Amino acid sequence: MNYAAAADFDRFGIRPEALPQTISAQDKDAAISAASGRADSYLGARFRLPISAWGDDLRQAVCAIAAFELIASQVGFNPEAGHNMVLVTRKEDAIRWFEQVSRGHVTPAGIVETPPPTSSVSRVKSNRKRGW
């Protein structure tokens, strides 16, 4: 389950014009998928997964992690440079936010959990014995 789409990545992660042309849509999707998996490790401590609805706060946190990982793995960067430090800070903020969510200190907007499974056991009752 991906908590963000390519359009969310463009809005909350990194603007398309700031990305090198060598980064493909598949690269973005892979980064979003990995970040969503990481989000599940925190969300699963508190919510029944998969969740079926969520808000922009979760999308933004996933995109911050995805943006950092995408740039770090595909391009590389100097974390000492000012504009690169923004990626590091946003990722660290997102991880802290997820930690707060998992501890119950923060509740993401719009979370809808998967309902618990219902029992589907059928029972038959009869008044006379059938010899089975």
N, C-alpha and C. Protein backbone atom coordinates (compact mmCIF):
# COMPACT_ATOMS: atom_id res chain seq x y z
N MET A 1 0.85 -1.17 0.00
CA MET A 1 0.00 0.00 0.00
C MET A 1 0.89 1.24 0.00
N ASN A 2 0.80 2.03 -1.03
CA ASN A 2 1.54 3.29 -1.09
C ASN A 2 0.68 4.42 -0.53
N TYR A 3 1.26 5.19 0.36
CA TYR A 3 0.54 6.29 0.99
C TYR A 3 0.67 7.60 0.22
N ALA A 4 1.37 7.57 -0.91
CA ALA A 4 1.52 8.76 -1.75
C ALA A 4 1.63 8.31 -3.20
N ALA A 5 1.37 9.23 -4.09
CA ALA A 5 1.48 8.98 -5.53
C ALA A 5 2.53 9.94 -6.09
N ALA A 6 2.83 9.78 -7.36
CA ALA A 6 3.83 10.64 -8.00
C ALA A 6 3.46 12.12 -7.87
N ALA A 7 2.19 12.45 -8.01
CA ALA A 7 1.75 13.85 -7.89
C ALA A 7 2.00 14.36 -6.46
N ASP A 8 1.82 13.49 -5.46
CA ASP A 8 2.11 13.88 -4.08
C ASP A 8 3.61 14.10 -3.90
N PHE A 9 4.41 13.25 -4.52
CA PHE A 9 5.86 13.40 -4.43
C PHE A 9 6.30 14.75 -5.01
N ASP A 10 5.69 15.11 -6.13
CA ASP A 10 6.00 16.41 -6.75
C ASP A 10 5.58 17.58 -5.86
N ARG A 11 4.51 17.38 -5.12
CA ARG A 11 3.98 18.45 -4.25
C ARG A 11 4.69 18.50 -2.90
N PHE A 12 4.96 17.33 -2.29
CA PHE A 12 5.52 17.28 -0.94
C PHE A 12 6.98 16.85 -0.87
N GLY A 13 7.49 16.22 -1.92
CA GLY A 13 8.85 15.69 -1.90
C GLY A 13 9.82 16.66 -2.53
N ILE A 14 9.97 16.54 -3.83
CA ILE A 14 10.87 17.42 -4.59
C ILE A 14 10.15 17.82 -5.87
N ARG A 15 10.20 19.09 -6.17
CA ARG A 15 9.59 19.57 -7.41
C ARG A 15 10.25 18.89 -8.60
N PRO A 16 9.51 18.54 -9.63
CA PRO A 16 10.09 17.84 -10.79
C PRO A 16 11.26 18.58 -11.43
N GLU A 17 11.19 19.90 -11.50
CA GLU A 17 12.27 20.66 -12.14
C GLU A 17 13.55 20.65 -11.32
N ALA A 18 13.48 20.26 -10.05
CA ALA A 18 14.67 20.19 -9.21
C ALA A 18 15.35 18.81 -9.28
N LEU A 19 14.68 17.85 -9.89
CA LEU A 19 15.23 16.50 -10.00
C LEU A 19 16.05 16.34 -11.27
N PRO A 20 17.13 15.59 -11.20
CA PRO A 20 17.86 15.28 -12.44
C PRO A 20 16.97 14.47 -13.39
N GLN A 21 17.16 14.65 -14.67
CA GLN A 21 16.35 13.94 -15.65
C GLN A 21 16.59 12.44 -15.64
N THR A 22 17.66 12.01 -15.02
CA THR A 22 17.96 10.58 -14.95
C THR A 22 17.04 9.84 -14.00
N ILE A 23 16.32 10.56 -13.16
CA ILE A 23 15.39 9.92 -12.22
C ILE A 23 14.05 9.74 -12.92
N SER A 24 13.62 8.49 -13.01
CA SER A 24 12.40 8.16 -13.73
C SER A 24 11.19 8.10 -12.81
N ALA A 25 10.03 7.98 -13.42
CA ALA A 25 8.80 7.81 -12.65
C ALA A 25 8.86 6.51 -11.85
N GLN A 26 9.48 5.48 -12.41
CA GLN A 26 9.62 4.21 -11.69
C GLN A 26 10.52 4.38 -10.46
N ASP A 27 11.54 5.23 -10.57
CA ASP A 27 12.40 5.51 -9.42
C ASP A 27 11.60 6.18 -8.31
N LYS A 28 10.76 7.14 -8.68
CA LYS A 28 9.90 7.81 -7.70
C LYS A 28 8.97 6.81 -7.04
N ASP A 29 8.33 5.97 -7.86
CA ASP A 29 7.39 4.98 -7.32
C ASP A 29 8.09 4.02 -6.36
N ALA A 30 9.30 3.61 -6.71
CA ALA A 30 10.04 2.70 -5.84
C ALA A 30 10.38 3.37 -4.50
N ALA A 31 10.76 4.63 -4.55
CA ALA A 31 11.08 5.36 -3.32
C ALA A 31 9.83 5.55 -2.46
N ILE A 32 8.70 5.85 -3.09
CA ILE A 32 7.44 5.99 -2.37
C ILE A 32 7.03 4.66 -1.74
N SER A 33 7.19 3.59 -2.48
CA SER A 33 6.83 2.26 -1.98
C SER A 33 7.69 1.89 -0.76
N ALA A 34 8.98 2.14 -0.85
CA ALA A 34 9.87 1.83 0.27
C ALA A 34 9.53 2.68 1.49
N ALA A 35 9.27 3.96 1.27
CA ALA A 35 8.92 4.85 2.38
C ALA A 35 7.57 4.47 2.99
N SER A 36 6.64 4.01 2.16
CA SER A 36 5.34 3.57 2.66
C SER A 36 5.49 2.31 3.51
N GLY A 37 6.38 1.42 3.10
CA GLY A 37 6.66 0.24 3.91
C GLY A 37 7.24 0.61 5.26
N ARG A 38 8.11 1.59 5.25
CA ARG A 38 8.68 2.07 6.51
C ARG A 38 7.58 2.69 7.37
N ALA A 39 6.68 3.43 6.75
CA ALA A 39 5.56 4.03 7.49
C ALA A 39 4.72 2.95 8.15
N ASP A 40 4.50 1.85 7.45
CA ASP A 40 3.71 0.75 8.02
C ASP A 40 4.34 0.20 9.30
N SER A 41 5.67 0.21 9.37
CA SER A 41 6.33 -0.31 10.57
C SER A 41 5.98 0.53 11.80
N TYR A 42 5.69 1.80 11.61
CA TYR A 42 5.26 2.66 12.70
C TYR A 42 3.74 2.62 12.89
N LEU A 43 3.02 2.71 11.78
CA LEU A 43 1.56 2.73 11.86
C LEU A 43 1.01 1.42 12.43
N GLY A 44 1.65 0.31 12.10
CA GLY A 44 1.19 -1.00 12.57
C GLY A 44 1.25 -1.15 14.08
N ALA A 45 2.04 -0.34 14.75
CA ALA A 45 2.10 -0.39 16.21
C ALA A 45 0.83 0.17 16.83
N ARG A 46 0.06 0.89 16.04
CA ARG A 46 -1.11 1.57 16.60
C ARG A 46 -2.41 1.29 15.86
N PHE A 47 -2.33 1.01 14.55
CA PHE A 47 -3.54 0.84 13.75
C PHE A 47 -3.56 -0.54 13.10
N ARG A 48 -4.77 -1.00 12.81
CA ARG A 48 -4.93 -2.25 12.06
C ARG A 48 -4.62 -1.94 10.60
N LEU A 49 -3.65 -2.65 10.05
CA LEU A 49 -3.23 -2.44 8.66
C LEU A 49 -3.91 -3.44 7.74
N PRO A 50 -4.12 -3.12 6.51
CA PRO A 50 -3.81 -1.84 5.89
C PRO A 50 -4.87 -0.80 6.24
N ILE A 51 -4.45 0.44 6.33
CA ILE A 51 -5.43 1.50 6.54
C ILE A 51 -6.05 1.83 5.18
N SER A 52 -7.27 2.30 5.19
CA SER A 52 -7.98 2.51 3.93
C SER A 52 -8.11 3.98 3.54
N ALA A 53 -7.82 4.88 4.47
CA ALA A 53 -7.87 6.31 4.15
C ALA A 53 -6.90 7.04 5.07
N TRP A 54 -6.35 8.15 4.57
CA TRP A 54 -5.39 8.94 5.33
C TRP A 54 -5.33 10.33 4.76
N GLY A 55 -4.67 11.22 5.48
CA GLY A 55 -4.61 12.62 5.07
C GLY A 55 -3.25 13.03 4.54
N ASP A 56 -3.14 14.32 4.25
CA ASP A 56 -1.92 14.88 3.69
C ASP A 56 -0.73 14.82 4.64
N ASP A 57 -0.97 14.79 5.96
CA ASP A 57 0.16 14.72 6.88
C ASP A 57 0.94 13.42 6.69
N LEU A 58 0.23 12.31 6.47
CA LEU A 58 0.90 11.04 6.20
C LEU A 58 1.57 11.06 4.82
N ARG A 59 0.89 11.59 3.83
CA ARG A 59 1.49 11.72 2.49
C ARG A 59 2.79 12.53 2.54
N GLN A 60 2.75 13.63 3.26
CA GLN A 60 3.90 14.51 3.35
C GLN A 60 5.08 13.80 4.04
N ALA A 61 4.82 13.09 5.11
CA ALA A 61 5.89 12.38 5.82
C ALA A 61 6.51 11.30 4.93
N VAL A 62 5.68 10.56 4.23
CA VAL A 62 6.17 9.52 3.32
C VAL A 62 7.01 10.15 2.21
N CYS A 63 6.55 11.24 1.66
CA CYS A 63 7.29 11.91 0.57
C CYS A 63 8.62 12.48 1.06
N ALA A 64 8.68 12.96 2.29
CA ALA A 64 9.94 13.48 2.83
C ALA A 64 10.98 12.37 2.92
N ILE A 65 10.55 11.21 3.38
CA ILE A 65 11.46 10.06 3.47
C ILE A 65 11.85 9.60 2.07
N ALA A 66 10.87 9.50 1.18
CA ALA A 66 11.13 9.04 -0.19
C ALA A 66 12.08 9.99 -0.91
N ALA A 67 11.91 11.28 -0.73
CA ALA A 67 12.77 12.26 -1.40
C ALA A 67 14.21 12.12 -0.94
N PHE A 68 14.41 11.99 0.36
CA PHE A 68 15.76 11.82 0.88
C PHE A 68 16.39 10.55 0.31
N GLU A 69 15.69 9.44 0.40
CA GLU A 69 16.24 8.17 -0.05
C GLU A 69 16.51 8.17 -1.55
N LEU A 70 15.62 8.79 -2.31
CA LEU A 70 15.80 8.84 -3.76
C LEU A 70 17.06 9.63 -4.13
N ILE A 71 17.21 10.79 -3.56
CA ILE A 71 18.38 11.61 -3.87
C ILE A 71 19.66 10.94 -3.34
N ALA A 72 19.60 10.40 -2.14
CA ALA A 72 20.79 9.77 -1.56
C ALA A 72 21.24 8.56 -2.38
N SER A 73 20.28 7.78 -2.88
CA SER A 73 20.65 6.57 -3.60
C SER A 73 20.92 6.80 -5.08
N GLN A 74 20.25 7.75 -5.69
CA GLN A 74 20.37 7.95 -7.13
C GLN A 74 21.37 9.04 -7.52
N VAL A 75 21.47 10.06 -6.70
CA VAL A 75 22.28 11.22 -7.07
C VAL A 75 23.47 11.37 -6.13
N GLY A 76 23.22 11.19 -4.85
CA GLY A 76 24.23 11.48 -3.85
C GLY A 76 24.24 12.98 -3.58
N PHE A 77 24.69 13.35 -2.41
CA PHE A 77 24.74 14.77 -2.09
C PHE A 77 25.65 15.00 -0.90
N ASN A 78 25.97 16.22 -0.70
CA ASN A 78 26.78 16.64 0.42
C ASN A 78 25.83 17.15 1.51
N PRO A 79 25.67 16.41 2.61
CA PRO A 79 24.72 16.85 3.63
C PRO A 79 25.13 18.15 4.31
N GLU A 80 26.36 18.58 4.12
CA GLU A 80 26.82 19.84 4.70
C GLU A 80 26.32 21.04 3.91
N ALA A 81 25.96 20.83 2.63
CA ALA A 81 25.46 21.93 1.80
C ALA A 81 24.09 22.35 2.29
N GLY A 82 23.82 23.65 2.31
CA GLY A 82 22.57 24.18 2.85
C GLY A 82 21.33 23.62 2.21
N HIS A 83 21.27 23.61 0.87
CA HIS A 83 20.05 23.13 0.23
C HIS A 83 19.87 21.62 0.41
N ASN A 84 20.95 20.88 0.59
CA ASN A 84 20.85 19.44 0.82
C ASN A 84 20.42 19.14 2.25
N MET A 85 20.76 20.01 3.17
CA MET A 85 20.41 19.80 4.56
C MET A 85 18.89 19.80 4.75
N VAL A 86 18.18 20.48 3.87
CA VAL A 86 16.72 20.50 3.95
C VAL A 86 16.17 19.08 3.83
N LEU A 87 16.71 18.29 2.92
CA LEU A 87 16.26 16.91 2.76
C LEU A 87 16.50 16.09 4.02
N VAL A 88 17.66 16.27 4.62
CA VAL A 88 18.00 15.54 5.85
C VAL A 88 17.04 15.93 6.97
N THR A 89 16.83 17.22 7.15
CA THR A 89 15.95 17.71 8.21
C THR A 89 14.52 17.22 8.02
N ARG A 90 14.03 17.28 6.80
CA ARG A 90 12.65 16.84 6.54
C ARG A 90 12.50 15.35 6.80
N LYS A 91 13.49 14.55 6.44
CA LYS A 91 13.44 13.11 6.71
C LYS A 91 13.44 12.85 8.21
N GLU A 92 14.34 13.51 8.94
CA GLU A 92 14.41 13.33 10.39
C GLU A 92 13.12 13.76 11.06
N ASP A 93 12.53 14.86 10.61
CA ASP A 93 11.24 15.32 11.15
C ASP A 93 10.15 14.28 10.90
N ALA A 94 10.15 13.70 9.70
CA ALA A 94 9.14 12.68 9.37
C ALA A 94 9.29 11.45 10.26
N ILE A 95 10.51 11.01 10.50
CA ILE A 95 10.75 9.85 11.36
C ILE A 95 10.30 10.16 12.79
N ARG A 96 10.62 11.33 13.29
CA ARG A 96 10.16 11.71 14.64
C ARG A 96 8.63 11.73 14.70
N TRP A 97 8.00 12.23 13.64
CA TRP A 97 6.53 12.27 13.60
C TRP A 97 5.98 10.84 13.65
N PHE A 98 6.54 9.95 12.86
CA PHE A 98 6.09 8.55 12.88
C PHE A 98 6.29 7.92 14.25
N GLU A 99 7.39 8.23 14.91
CA GLU A 99 7.61 7.71 16.26
C GLU A 99 6.52 8.19 17.21
N GLN A 100 6.15 9.47 17.09
CA GLN A 100 5.09 10.02 17.93
C GLN A 100 3.74 9.36 17.62
N VAL A 101 3.50 9.08 16.36
CA VAL A 101 2.26 8.39 15.96
C VAL A 101 2.23 7.00 16.59
N SER A 102 3.33 6.27 16.47
CA SER A 102 3.34 4.90 16.98
C SER A 102 3.16 4.84 18.50
N ARG A 103 3.59 5.89 19.19
CA ARG A 103 3.44 5.95 20.65
C ARG A 103 2.07 6.48 21.09
N GLY A 104 1.28 6.95 20.14
CA GLY A 104 -0.04 7.46 20.47
C GLY A 104 -0.07 8.91 20.86
N HIS A 105 1.04 9.63 20.68
CA HIS A 105 1.09 11.04 21.04
C HIS A 105 0.54 11.94 19.94
N VAL A 106 0.52 11.43 18.71
CA VAL A 106 0.03 12.17 17.56
C VAL A 106 -0.91 11.24 16.79
N THR A 107 -2.03 11.80 16.32
CA THR A 107 -2.95 11.02 15.50
C THR A 107 -3.01 11.64 14.11
N PRO A 108 -2.61 10.87 13.09
CA PRO A 108 -2.67 11.39 11.73
C PRO A 108 -4.11 11.72 11.32
N ALA A 109 -4.24 12.72 10.49
CA ALA A 109 -5.57 13.14 10.03
C ALA A 109 -6.16 12.09 9.09
N GLY A 110 -7.44 11.86 9.23
CA GLY A 110 -8.18 11.06 8.26
C GLY A 110 -7.92 9.58 8.25
N ILE A 111 -7.26 9.04 9.28
CA ILE A 111 -6.95 7.60 9.29
C ILE A 111 -8.23 6.80 9.43
N VAL A 112 -8.40 5.85 8.53
CA VAL A 112 -9.50 4.89 8.62
C VAL A 112 -8.87 3.51 8.61
N GLU A 113 -9.03 2.80 9.71
CA GLU A 113 -8.45 1.46 9.83
C GLU A 113 -9.30 0.43 9.10
N THR A 114 -8.66 -0.67 8.77
CA THR A 114 -9.39 -1.81 8.22
C THR A 114 -10.22 -2.39 9.35
N PRO A 115 -11.50 -2.67 9.10
CA PRO A 115 -12.33 -3.24 10.17
C PRO A 115 -11.84 -4.65 10.51
N PRO A 116 -12.05 -5.07 11.77
CA PRO A 116 -11.63 -6.42 12.14
C PRO A 116 -12.42 -7.45 11.35
N PRO A 117 -11.83 -8.60 11.12
CA PRO A 117 -12.54 -9.63 10.37
C PRO A 117 -13.77 -10.12 11.12
N THR A 118 -14.78 -10.43 10.37
CA THR A 118 -16.00 -10.98 10.97
C THR A 118 -15.96 -12.49 10.87
N SER A 119 -16.62 -13.12 11.77
CA SER A 119 -16.67 -14.58 11.77
C SER A 119 -17.57 -15.06 10.64
N SER A 120 -17.09 -16.03 9.89
CA SER A 120 -17.90 -16.54 8.79
C SER A 120 -18.21 -18.02 8.97
N VAL A 121 -18.24 -18.44 10.23
CA VAL A 121 -18.52 -19.84 10.52
C VAL A 121 -20.03 -20.05 10.44
N SER A 122 -20.45 -21.04 9.66
CA SER A 122 -21.87 -21.37 9.55
C SER A 122 -22.20 -22.51 10.50
N ARG A 123 -23.35 -22.44 11.08
CA ARG A 123 -23.81 -23.49 11.99
C ARG A 123 -25.20 -23.93 11.56
N VAL A 124 -25.42 -25.20 11.70
CA VAL A 124 -26.71 -25.78 11.36
C VAL A 124 -27.30 -26.38 12.62
N LYS A 125 -28.58 -26.11 12.86
CA LYS A 125 -29.24 -26.66 14.02
C LYS A 125 -30.48 -27.40 13.55
N SER A 126 -30.68 -28.57 14.14
CA SER A 126 -31.82 -29.39 13.77
C SER A 126 -32.43 -29.97 15.03
N ASN A 127 -33.74 -30.20 15.01
CA ASN A 127 -34.41 -30.75 16.17
C ASN A 127 -34.31 -32.27 16.23
N ARG A 128 -34.16 -32.94 15.13
CA ARG A 128 -34.07 -34.40 15.18
C ARG A 128 -32.68 -34.85 14.79
N LYS A 129 -32.27 -35.97 15.35
CA LYS A 129 -30.97 -36.52 15.07
C LYS A 129 -30.99 -37.15 13.69
N ARG A 130 -29.95 -36.92 12.94
CA ARG A 130 -29.88 -37.43 11.58
C ARG A 130 -28.85 -38.54 11.45
N GLY A 131 -28.09 -38.84 12.48
CA GLY A 131 -27.15 -39.93 12.44
C GLY A 131 -25.84 -39.61 11.75
N TRP A 132 -25.52 -38.41 11.70
CA TRP A 132 -24.26 -38.04 11.05
C TRP A 132 -23.13 -38.18 11.99
